[in-house]
Amino acid sequence: MHPRKTEFNKLRDQLDITLPEIAILIGKSWSATRKYAAGADVRLPPDEVLATMRKAVAQMQKR
């Protein structure tokens, strides 16, 4: 699996929210978010998506 997909799924696990909730967080469609998470799909999450998720994880860890 591509490193960006691996990071996306790791961040998703850390956030402990559903894919539809992640779609809202990152401002992408449910379909695109599903493709970012799927290991077999070639669509990679953009860097700005990962940055948004990293920021959300950091804010969550501050609590």
C-alpha atoms as a PDB file:
ATOM      1  CA  MET A   1       0.000   0.000   0.000  1.00  0.00           C
ATOM      2  CA  HIS A   2       1.228   3.504  -0.812  1.00  0.00           C
ATOM      3  CA  PRO A   3       2.624   5.459   2.190  1.00  0.00           C
ATOM      4  CA  ARG A   4      -0.024   8.194   1.832  1.00  0.00           C
ATOM      5  CA  LYS A   5      -2.824   5.599   1.992  1.00  0.00           C
ATOM      6  CA  THR A   6      -1.158   4.015   5.017  1.00  0.00           C
ATOM      7  CA  GLU A   7      -0.939   7.402   6.733  1.00  0.00           C
ATOM      8  CA  PHE A   8      -4.561   8.212   5.831  1.00  0.00           C
ATOM      9  CA  ASN A   9      -5.775   4.997   7.446  1.00  0.00           C
ATOM     10  CA  LYS A  10      -3.545   5.485  10.493  1.00  0.00           C
ATOM     11  CA  LEU A  11      -4.906   9.009  10.998  1.00  0.00           C
ATOM     12  CA  ARG A  12      -8.448   7.712  10.470  1.00  0.00           C
ATOM     13  CA  ASP A  13      -7.886   5.180  13.250  1.00  0.00           C
ATOM     14  CA  GLN A  14      -6.450   7.856  15.547  1.00  0.00           C
ATOM     15  CA  LEU A  15      -9.432  10.130  14.953  1.00  0.00           C
ATOM     16  CA  ASP A  16     -11.815   7.224  15.641  1.00  0.00           C
ATOM     17  CA  ILE A  17     -14.544   8.645  13.401  1.00  0.00           C
ATOM     18  CA  THR A  18     -16.417   7.187  10.437  1.00  0.00           C
ATOM     19  CA  LEU A  19     -15.501   7.734   6.800  1.00  0.00           C
ATOM     20  CA  PRO A  20     -18.560   9.986   6.231  1.00  0.00           C
ATOM     21  CA  GLU A  21     -17.390  12.128   9.167  1.00  0.00           C
ATOM     22  CA  ILE A  22     -13.876  12.237   7.700  1.00  0.00           C
ATOM     23  CA  ALA A  23     -15.356  13.318   4.353  1.00  0.00           C
ATOM     24  CA  ILE A  24     -16.945  16.299   6.120  1.00  0.00           C
ATOM     25  CA  LEU A  25     -13.718  17.074   8.005  1.00  0.00           C
ATOM     26  CA  ILE A  26     -11.556  17.087   4.873  1.00  0.00           C
ATOM     27  CA  GLY A  27     -14.170  18.669   2.609  1.00  0.00           C
ATOM     28  CA  LYS A  28     -14.219  15.822   0.106  1.00  0.00           C
ATOM     29  CA  SER A  29     -17.008  13.603  -1.161  1.00  0.00           C
ATOM     30  CA  TRP A  30     -17.874  10.318   0.521  1.00  0.00           C
ATOM     31  CA  SER A  31     -16.857   8.529  -2.685  1.00  0.00           C
ATOM     32  CA  ALA A  32     -13.404  10.146  -2.786  1.00  0.00           C
ATOM     33  CA  THR A  33     -12.866   9.474   0.920  1.00  0.00           C
ATOM     34  CA  ARG A  34     -13.719   5.789   0.438  1.00  0.00           C
ATOM     35  CA  LYS A  35     -11.194   5.599  -2.397  1.00  0.00           C
ATOM     36  CA  TYR A  36      -8.475   7.200  -0.265  1.00  0.00           C
ATOM     37  CA  ALA A  37      -9.016   4.508   2.389  1.00  0.00           C
ATOM     38  CA  ALA A  38      -9.215   1.534  -0.004  1.00  0.00           C
ATOM     39  CA  GLY A  39      -5.948  -0.303  -0.444  1.00  0.00           C
ATOM     40  CA  ALA A  40      -6.853  -1.589  -3.902  1.00  0.00           C
ATOM     41  CA  ASP A  41      -7.844   1.810  -5.348  1.00  0.00           C
ATOM     42  CA  VAL A  42      -5.181   3.921  -7.041  1.00  0.00           C
ATOM     43  CA  ARG A  43      -6.559   7.268  -5.847  1.00  0.00           C
ATOM     44  CA  LEU A  44      -4.142   8.766  -3.310  1.00  0.00           C
ATOM     45  CA  PRO A  45      -5.174  11.246  -0.647  1.00  0.00           C
ATOM     46  CA  PRO A  46      -3.740  14.699  -1.472  1.00  0.00           C
ATOM     47  CA  ASP A  47      -1.187  16.204   0.892  1.00  0.00           C
ATOM     48  CA  GLU A  48      -3.676  18.865   2.016  1.00  0.00           C
ATOM     49  CA  VAL A  49      -6.093  16.128   3.116  1.00  0.00           C
ATOM     50  CA  LEU A  50      -3.390  14.492   5.217  1.00  0.00           C
ATOM     51  CA  ALA A  51      -2.415  17.897   6.649  1.00  0.00           C
ATOM     52  CA  THR A  52      -6.029  18.545   7.706  1.00  0.00           C
ATOM     53  CA  MET A  53      -6.224  15.129   9.349  1.00  0.00           C
ATOM     54  CA  ARG A  54      -2.855  15.613  11.115  1.00  0.00           C
ATOM     55  CA  LYS A  55      -4.100  18.935  12.479  1.00  0.00           C
ATOM     56  CA  ALA A  56      -7.312  17.308  13.755  1.00  0.00           C
ATOM     57  CA  VAL A  57      -5.317  14.543  15.473  1.00  0.00           C
ATOM     58  CA  ALA A  58      -3.008  17.124  17.088  1.00  0.00           C
ATOM     59  CA  GLN A  59      -5.982  19.128  18.383  1.00  0.00           C
ATOM     60  CA  MET A  60      -7.596  15.963  19.704  1.00  0.00           C
ATOM     61  CA  GLN A  61      -4.406  14.981  21.549  1.00  0.00           C
ATOM     62  CA  LYS A  62      -4.228  18.391  23.268  1.00  0.00           C
ATOM     63  CA  ARG A  63      -7.480  17.666  25.093  1.00  0.00           C
END
